[in-house]
Amino acid sequence: MKRSDRLYALIEVLKDGKLHRAEDMAARLGVSIRTIYRDMDTLAASGIPIEGERGRGYSALAAITLPPLNLTETELEALHLGLAAVGQAQDDALKSAARSLSAKIDAVLPEDRHGAPKSFGFAVYPFADAANAFRHLTTLRGAIRNRQKLRLWLQGGDEVTVRPLKLDYWGRVWTCLVWSETSEDFVSLRVDQIENTAPLPGLFVDEPGKRLEDFESRANT
């Protein structure tokens, strides 16, 4: 029996909600008890609501299946922030559930999302960094839309004047591509490392060499 078929067979056994001993499932499927233990770990890691432990037995709680949802990038952003907050909770059950849900979302996000997250997981940066980034997103979005120059104060004491051009999300890390008037070049800034922002008088106009399309053209050469 293929491992994938065996895992499915185990789900079929467990979904009645009753307690099943590893010895009985091993005999039923013609494998070793050690194999059943490994399979239980695999099912639990994949998000199947397995309860139990070695030597006592296993059961599966009824899972809730939601219909397909179409989320905007902003809705996904809000969901991410909520999960990141719960993922830092003191309640171990809530923390585990948040991380499991995060993994499930990550598993179904498309590979090519044109600026949406590459990963939804908790593994890269702590919640405090993510929250710091969210403080500035509204200001940066507005500046991109209105072509508003900004003065930015960064961690480490640097101060720069920029033309914000594009926001990107890279799995808990927001970056903002800017034309920096301070360094006179394109710079990708981590939004969570921005300490403060201030709009500057006047709007900027497109100038050759300082536009988003100029950056993309240069990146593709």
C-alpha atoms as a PDB file:
ATOM      1  CA  MET A   1       0.000   0.000   0.000  1.00  0.00           C
ATOM      2  CA  LYS A   2       1.304   3.464  -0.885  1.00  0.00           C
ATOM      3  CA  ARG A   3       1.961   5.762   2.042  1.00  0.00           C
ATOM      4  CA  SER A   4      -0.588   8.275   0.750  1.00  0.00           C
ATOM      5  CA  ASP A   5      -3.205   5.510   0.557  1.00  0.00           C
ATOM      6  CA  ARG A   6      -2.293   4.353   4.062  1.00  0.00           C
ATOM      7  CA  LEU A   7      -2.647   7.863   5.448  1.00  0.00           C
ATOM      8  CA  TYR A   8      -6.062   8.174   3.853  1.00  0.00           C
ATOM      9  CA  ALA A   9      -7.044   4.770   5.278  1.00  0.00           C
ATOM     10  CA  LEU A  10      -5.986   5.942   8.736  1.00  0.00           C
ATOM     11  CA  ILE A  11      -8.162   9.053   8.391  1.00  0.00           C
ATOM     12  CA  GLU A  12     -11.075   6.809   7.503  1.00  0.00           C
ATOM     13  CA  VAL A  13     -10.439   4.733  10.639  1.00  0.00           C
ATOM     14  CA  LEU A  14     -10.018   7.706  12.941  1.00  0.00           C
ATOM     15  CA  LYS A  15     -12.877   9.889  11.765  1.00  0.00           C
ATOM     16  CA  ASP A  16     -15.445   7.952  13.795  1.00  0.00           C
ATOM     17  CA  GLY A  17     -14.130   9.850  16.809  1.00  0.00           C
ATOM     18  CA  LYS A  18     -13.408   6.707  18.811  1.00  0.00           C
ATOM     19  CA  LEU A  19     -10.085   5.832  20.391  1.00  0.00           C
ATOM     20  CA  HIS A  20      -7.999   3.439  18.246  1.00  0.00           C
ATOM     21  CA  ARG A  21      -4.862   1.702  19.474  1.00  0.00           C
ATOM     22  CA  ALA A  22      -1.739   1.856  17.326  1.00  0.00           C
ATOM     23  CA  GLU A  23      -1.408  -1.933  17.613  1.00  0.00           C
ATOM     24  CA  ASP A  24      -4.857  -2.474  16.130  1.00  0.00           C
ATOM     25  CA  MET A  25      -4.297  -0.027  13.262  1.00  0.00           C
ATOM     26  CA  ALA A  26      -0.907  -1.576  12.508  1.00  0.00           C
ATOM     27  CA  ALA A  27      -2.447  -5.064  12.309  1.00  0.00           C
ATOM     28  CA  ARG A  28      -5.304  -3.764  10.167  1.00  0.00           C
ATOM     29  CA  LEU A  29      -2.957  -2.132   7.640  1.00  0.00           C
ATOM     30  CA  GLY A  30      -0.143  -4.679   7.794  1.00  0.00           C
ATOM     31  CA  VAL A  31       2.572  -2.314   9.014  1.00  0.00           C
ATOM     32  CA  SER A  32       4.650  -1.895  12.148  1.00  0.00           C
ATOM     33  CA  ILE A  33       3.538   0.045  15.205  1.00  0.00           C
ATOM     34  CA  ARG A  34       6.478   2.393  14.648  1.00  0.00           C
ATOM     35  CA  THR A  35       5.082   3.169  11.181  1.00  0.00           C
ATOM     36  CA  ILE A  36       1.718   4.040  12.707  1.00  0.00           C
ATOM     37  CA  TYR A  37       3.431   6.395  15.169  1.00  0.00           C
ATOM     38  CA  ARG A  38       5.186   8.159  12.290  1.00  0.00           C
ATOM     39  CA  ASP A  39       1.933   8.354  10.336  1.00  0.00           C
ATOM     40  CA  MET A  40       0.142   9.924  13.305  1.00  0.00           C
ATOM     41  CA  ASP A  41       2.864  12.572  13.532  1.00  0.00           C
ATOM     42  CA  THR A  42       2.512  13.232   9.787  1.00  0.00           C
ATOM     43  CA  LEU A  43      -1.270  13.581   9.976  1.00  0.00           C
ATOM     44  CA  ALA A  44      -1.063  15.918  12.962  1.00  0.00           C
ATOM     45  CA  ALA A  45       1.577  18.070  11.245  1.00  0.00           C
ATOM     46  CA  SER A  46      -0.594  18.346   8.127  1.00  0.00           C
ATOM     47  CA  GLY A  47      -3.457  19.837  10.136  1.00  0.00           C
ATOM     48  CA  ILE A  48      -5.616  16.766  10.773  1.00  0.00           C
ATOM     49  CA  PRO A  49      -7.084  17.254  14.282  1.00  0.00           C
ATOM     50  CA  ILE A  50      -5.483  14.174  15.863  1.00  0.00           C
ATOM     51  CA  GLU A  51      -5.826  13.587  19.591  1.00  0.00           C
ATOM     52  CA  GLY A  52      -4.035  10.924  21.638  1.00  0.00           C
ATOM     53  CA  GLU A  53      -0.560   9.666  22.321  1.00  0.00           C
ATOM     54  CA  ARG A  54       1.657   6.630  22.002  1.00  0.00           C
ATOM     55  CA  GLY A  55       0.606   3.828  24.314  1.00  0.00           C
ATOM     56  CA  ARG A  56      -2.919   5.172  24.791  1.00  0.00           C
ATOM     57  CA  GLY A  57      -4.479   5.433  21.350  1.00  0.00           C
ATOM     58  CA  TYR A  58      -5.587   8.006  18.811  1.00  0.00           C
ATOM     59  CA  SER A  59      -8.779   9.638  17.598  1.00  0.00           C
ATOM     60  CA  ALA A  60      -9.667  12.489  15.256  1.00  0.00           C
ATOM     61  CA  LEU A  61     -11.974  15.393  16.010  1.00  0.00           C
ATOM     62  CA  ALA A  62     -14.503  16.420  13.406  1.00  0.00           C
ATOM     63  CA  ALA A  63     -12.969  18.986  11.095  1.00  0.00           C
ATOM     64  CA  ILE A  64     -14.752  22.046   9.761  1.00  0.00           C
ATOM     65  CA  THR A  65     -14.479  22.561   6.006  1.00  0.00           C
ATOM     66  CA  LEU A  66     -15.027  26.093   4.741  1.00  0.00           C
ATOM     67  CA  PRO A  67     -16.088  26.901   1.186  1.00  0.00           C
ATOM     68  CA  PRO A  68     -13.469  28.549  -1.064  1.00  0.00           C
ATOM     69  CA  LEU A  69     -12.875  32.199  -0.222  1.00  0.00           C
ATOM     70  CA  ASN A  70     -11.544  34.993  -2.416  1.00  0.00           C
ATOM     71  CA  LEU A  71      -9.550  37.396  -0.244  1.00  0.00           C
ATOM     72  CA  THR A  72      -8.214  40.791  -1.167  1.00  0.00           C
ATOM     73  CA  GLU A  73      -4.624  41.574  -0.233  1.00  0.00           C
ATOM     74  CA  THR A  74      -5.909  43.872   2.522  1.00  0.00           C
ATOM     75  CA  GLU A  75      -8.153  41.132   3.922  1.00  0.00           C
ATOM     76  CA  LEU A  76      -5.227  38.724   3.860  1.00  0.00           C
ATOM     77  CA  GLU A  77      -3.155  41.369   5.625  1.00  0.00           C
ATOM     78  CA  ALA A  78      -5.791  41.689   8.373  1.00  0.00           C
ATOM     79  CA  LEU A  79      -5.980  37.915   8.756  1.00  0.00           C
ATOM     80  CA  HIS A  80      -2.216  37.709   9.008  1.00  0.00           C
ATOM     81  CA  LEU A  81      -2.059  40.352  11.720  1.00  0.00           C
ATOM     82  CA  GLY A  82      -4.753  38.607  13.754  1.00  0.00           C
ATOM     83  CA  LEU A  83      -3.018  35.243  13.509  1.00  0.00           C
ATOM     84  CA  ALA A  84       0.329  36.795  14.353  1.00  0.00           C
ATOM     85  CA  ALA A  85      -1.189  38.293  17.503  1.00  0.00           C
ATOM     86  CA  VAL A  86      -2.840  35.045  18.577  1.00  0.00           C
ATOM     87  CA  GLY A  87       0.388  33.208  17.773  1.00  0.00           C
ATOM     88  CA  GLN A  88       2.045  35.174  20.580  1.00  0.00           C
ATOM     89  CA  ALA A  89      -0.671  34.363  23.125  1.00  0.00           C
ATOM     90  CA  GLN A  90       0.059  32.679  26.432  1.00  0.00           C
ATOM     91  CA  ASP A  91      -2.675  30.126  25.772  1.00  0.00           C
ATOM     92  CA  ASP A  92      -0.857  27.140  24.253  1.00  0.00           C
ATOM     93  CA  ALA A  93      -4.003  25.799  22.578  1.00  0.00           C
ATOM     94  CA  LEU A  94      -4.726  29.111  20.847  1.00  0.00           C
ATOM     95  CA  LYS A  95      -1.073  29.527  19.894  1.00  0.00           C
ATOM     96  CA  SER A  96      -0.990  26.037  18.365  1.00  0.00           C
ATOM     97  CA  ALA A  97      -4.279  26.632  16.521  1.00  0.00           C
ATOM     98  CA  ALA A  98      -3.025  29.931  15.089  1.00  0.00           C
ATOM     99  CA  ARG A  99       0.147  28.319  13.803  1.00  0.00           C
ATOM    100  CA  SER A 100      -1.793  25.392  12.335  1.00  0.00           C
ATOM    101  CA  LEU A 101      -4.218  27.750  10.576  1.00  0.00           C
ATOM    102  CA  SER A 102      -1.307  29.806   9.286  1.00  0.00           C
ATOM    103  CA  ALA A 103       0.255  26.668   7.791  1.00  0.00           C
ATOM    104  CA  LYS A 104      -3.035  25.691   6.131  1.00  0.00           C
ATOM    105  CA  ILE A 105      -3.387  29.145   4.551  1.00  0.00           C
ATOM    106  CA  ASP A 106       0.221  29.032   3.379  1.00  0.00           C
ATOM    107  CA  ALA A 107      -0.397  25.635   1.759  1.00  0.00           C
ATOM    108  CA  VAL A 108      -3.195  26.941  -0.478  1.00  0.00           C
ATOM    109  CA  LEU A 109      -1.854  30.373  -1.420  1.00  0.00           C
ATOM    110  CA  PRO A 110      -0.928  30.487  -5.122  1.00  0.00           C
ATOM    111  CA  GLU A 111       2.726  30.670  -6.065  1.00  0.00           C
ATOM    112  CA  ASP A 112       2.409  33.753  -8.271  1.00  0.00           C
ATOM    113  CA  ARG A 113       0.456  36.455  -6.461  1.00  0.00           C
ATOM    114  CA  HIS A 114       1.987  39.613  -7.940  1.00  0.00           C
ATOM    115  CA  GLY A 115       3.051  41.174  -4.682  1.00  0.00           C
ATOM    116  CA  ALA A 116       0.957  39.138  -2.256  1.00  0.00           C
ATOM    117  CA  PRO A 117       2.720  37.019   0.385  1.00  0.00           C
ATOM    118  CA  LYS A 118       5.252  34.402  -0.614  1.00  0.00           C
ATOM    119  CA  SER A 119       4.676  32.760   2.739  1.00  0.00           C
ATOM    120  CA  PHE A 120       2.149  33.213   5.488  1.00  0.00           C
ATOM    121  CA  GLY A 121       4.050  31.473   8.270  1.00  0.00           C
ATOM    122  CA  PHE A 122       5.319  32.513  11.653  1.00  0.00           C
ATOM    123  CA  ALA A 123       8.911  31.472  11.137  1.00  0.00           C
ATOM    124  CA  VAL A 124      10.629  34.666  10.021  1.00  0.00           C
ATOM    125  CA  TYR A 125       9.965  37.640  12.277  1.00  0.00           C
ATOM    126  CA  PRO A 126       8.296  38.052  15.671  1.00  0.00           C
ATOM    127  CA  PHE A 127       4.927  39.701  16.019  1.00  0.00           C
ATOM    128  CA  ALA A 128       6.368  42.979  17.298  1.00  0.00           C
ATOM    129  CA  ASP A 129       8.136  43.546  13.980  1.00  0.00           C
ATOM    130  CA  ALA A 130       5.012  42.719  11.984  1.00  0.00           C
ATOM    131  CA  ALA A 131       2.930  45.093  14.093  1.00  0.00           C
ATOM    132  CA  ASN A 132       5.455  47.884  13.614  1.00  0.00           C
ATOM    133  CA  ALA A 133       5.148  47.506   9.845  1.00  0.00           C
ATOM    134  CA  PHE A 134       1.364  47.713   9.954  1.00  0.00           C
ATOM    135  CA  ARG A 135       1.605  51.111  11.682  1.00  0.00           C
ATOM    136  CA  HIS A 136       2.987  52.673   8.507  1.00  0.00           C
ATOM    137  CA  LEU A 137       1.104  50.874   5.720  1.00  0.00           C
ATOM    138  CA  THR A 138      -1.744  53.392   5.463  1.00  0.00           C
ATOM    139  CA  THR A 139       0.706  56.303   5.186  1.00  0.00           C
ATOM    140  CA  LEU A 140       2.823  54.519   2.589  1.00  0.00           C
ATOM    141  CA  ARG A 141      -0.178  53.451   0.525  1.00  0.00           C
ATOM    142  CA  GLY A 142      -1.512  56.993   0.517  1.00  0.00           C
ATOM    143  CA  ALA A 143       1.867  58.391  -0.483  1.00  0.00           C
ATOM    144  CA  ILE A 144       2.155  55.934  -3.373  1.00  0.00           C
ATOM    145  CA  ARG A 145      -1.344  56.744  -4.562  1.00  0.00           C
ATOM    146  CA  ASN A 146      -0.973  60.529  -4.224  1.00  0.00           C
ATOM    147  CA  ARG A 147       2.733  60.717  -5.204  1.00  0.00           C
ATOM    148  CA  GLN A 148       3.605  62.283  -1.903  1.00  0.00           C
ATOM    149  CA  LYS A 149       7.222  62.644  -0.828  1.00  0.00           C
ATOM    150  CA  LEU A 150       7.969  61.369   2.674  1.00  0.00           C
ATOM    151  CA  ARG A 151      10.626  61.927   5.281  1.00  0.00           C
ATOM    152  CA  LEU A 152      11.424  58.596   6.969  1.00  0.00           C
ATOM    153  CA  TRP A 153      13.276  57.952  10.209  1.00  0.00           C
ATOM    154  CA  LEU A 154      14.770  54.453  10.247  1.00  0.00           C
ATOM    155  CA  GLN A 155      16.061  52.196  12.971  1.00  0.00           C
ATOM    156  CA  GLY A 156      19.699  52.998  13.600  1.00  0.00           C
ATOM    157  CA  GLY A 157      19.171  56.739  13.310  1.00  0.00           C
ATOM    158  CA  ASP A 158      19.172  57.184   9.512  1.00  0.00           C
ATOM    159  CA  GLU A 159      16.879  59.822   8.030  1.00  0.00           C
ATOM    160  CA  VAL A 160      15.919  59.749   4.339  1.00  0.00           C
ATOM    161  CA  THR A 161      13.688  61.614   1.908  1.00  0.00           C
ATOM    162  CA  VAL A 162      11.913  59.264  -0.479  1.00  0.00           C
ATOM    163  CA  ARG A 163       9.394  58.896  -3.250  1.00  0.00           C
ATOM    164  CA  PRO A 164       7.403  55.735  -2.334  1.00  0.00           C
ATOM    165  CA  LEU A 165       6.735  53.625  -5.422  1.00  0.00           C
ATOM    166  CA  LYS A 166       5.540  50.137  -4.458  1.00  0.00           C
ATOM    167  CA  LEU A 167       4.684  47.943  -1.464  1.00  0.00           C
ATOM    168  CA  ASP A 168       5.487  44.225  -1.448  1.00  0.00           C
ATOM    169  CA  TYR A 169       4.710  41.524   1.089  1.00  0.00           C
ATOM    170  CA  TRP A 170       7.170  38.664   1.589  1.00  0.00           C
ATOM    171  CA  GLY A 171       5.722  36.408   4.248  1.00  0.00           C
ATOM    172  CA  ARG A 172       5.427  38.597   7.345  1.00  0.00           C
ATOM    173  CA  VAL A 173       7.863  41.133   5.928  1.00  0.00           C
ATOM    174  CA  TRP A 174       6.585  44.244   4.152  1.00  0.00           C
ATOM    175  CA  THR A 175       9.023  46.159   1.974  1.00  0.00           C
ATOM    176  CA  CYS A 176       8.589  49.480   0.231  1.00  0.00           C
ATOM    177  CA  LEU A 177      10.450  50.270  -2.950  1.00  0.00           C
ATOM    178  CA  VAL A 178      11.370  53.944  -3.005  1.00  0.00           C
ATOM    179  CA  TRP A 179      13.417  56.393  -4.979  1.00  0.00           C
ATOM    180  CA  SER A 180      15.681  57.808  -2.303  1.00  0.00           C
ATOM    181  CA  GLU A 181      16.522  61.457  -2.824  1.00  0.00           C
ATOM    182  CA  THR A 182      19.098  61.038  -0.087  1.00  0.00           C
ATOM    183  CA  SER A 183      21.155  58.371  -1.879  1.00  0.00           C
ATOM    184  CA  GLU A 184      19.822  59.200  -5.376  1.00  0.00           C
ATOM    185  CA  ASP A 185      18.997  55.572  -6.117  1.00  0.00           C
ATOM    186  CA  PHE A 186      16.257  52.976  -5.767  1.00  0.00           C
ATOM    187  CA  VAL A 187      16.114  51.393  -2.314  1.00  0.00           C
ATOM    188  CA  SER A 188      13.960  48.595  -0.897  1.00  0.00           C
ATOM    189  CA  LEU A 189      13.178  49.419   2.727  1.00  0.00           C
ATOM    190  CA  ARG A 190      11.807  47.005   5.307  1.00  0.00           C
ATOM    191  CA  VAL A 191       8.681  48.703   6.597  1.00  0.00           C
ATOM    192  CA  ASP A 192       9.072  47.239  10.100  1.00  0.00           C
ATOM    193  CA  GLN A 193      12.382  49.136  10.379  1.00  0.00           C
ATOM    194  CA  ILE A 194      10.719  52.520   9.838  1.00  0.00           C
ATOM    195  CA  GLU A 195      10.464  54.377  13.129  1.00  0.00           C
ATOM    196  CA  ASN A 196       8.467  57.379  11.950  1.00  0.00           C
ATOM    197  CA  THR A 197       7.137  59.098   8.826  1.00  0.00           C
ATOM    198  CA  ALA A 198       6.259  62.657   7.841  1.00  0.00           C
ATOM    199  CA  PRO A 199       4.741  63.927   4.576  1.00  0.00           C
ATOM    200  CA  LEU A 200       6.675  66.681   2.812  1.00  0.00           C
ATOM    201  CA  PRO A 201       5.124  69.692   1.043  1.00  0.00           C
ATOM    202  CA  GLY A 202       4.340  69.217  -2.624  1.00  0.00           C
ATOM    203  CA  LEU A 203       3.869  66.157  -4.766  1.00  0.00           C
ATOM    204  CA  PHE A 204       6.441  64.486  -6.966  1.00  0.00           C
ATOM    205  CA  VAL A 205       6.035  63.998 -10.704  1.00  0.00           C
ATOM    206  CA  ASP A 206       7.366  61.155 -12.804  1.00  0.00           C
ATOM    207  CA  GLU A 207      10.916  61.756 -13.924  1.00  0.00           C
ATOM    208  CA  PRO A 208      12.911  59.433 -16.199  1.00  0.00           C
ATOM    209  CA  GLY A 209      15.186  57.208 -14.164  1.00  0.00           C
ATOM    210  CA  LYS A 210      13.158  57.609 -10.957  1.00  0.00           C
ATOM    211  CA  ARG A 211       9.975  55.732 -11.854  1.00  0.00           C
ATOM    212  CA  LEU A 212       8.807  52.226 -10.948  1.00  0.00           C
ATOM    213  CA  GLU A 213       9.049  51.188 -14.584  1.00  0.00           C
ATOM    214  CA  ASP A 214      12.666  52.356 -14.632  1.00  0.00           C
ATOM    215  CA  PHE A 215      13.460  50.131 -11.652  1.00  0.00           C
ATOM    216  CA  GLU A 216      11.692  47.145 -13.233  1.00  0.00           C
ATOM    217  CA  SER A 217      13.453  47.708 -16.546  1.00  0.00           C
ATOM    218  CA  ARG A 218      16.812  47.837 -14.788  1.00  0.00           C
ATOM    219  CA  ALA A 219      16.029  44.722 -12.772  1.00  0.00           C
ATOM    220  CA  ASN A 220      15.193  42.776 -15.943  1.00  0.00           C
ATOM    221  CA  THR A 221      18.420  43.643 -17.761  1.00  0.00           C
END
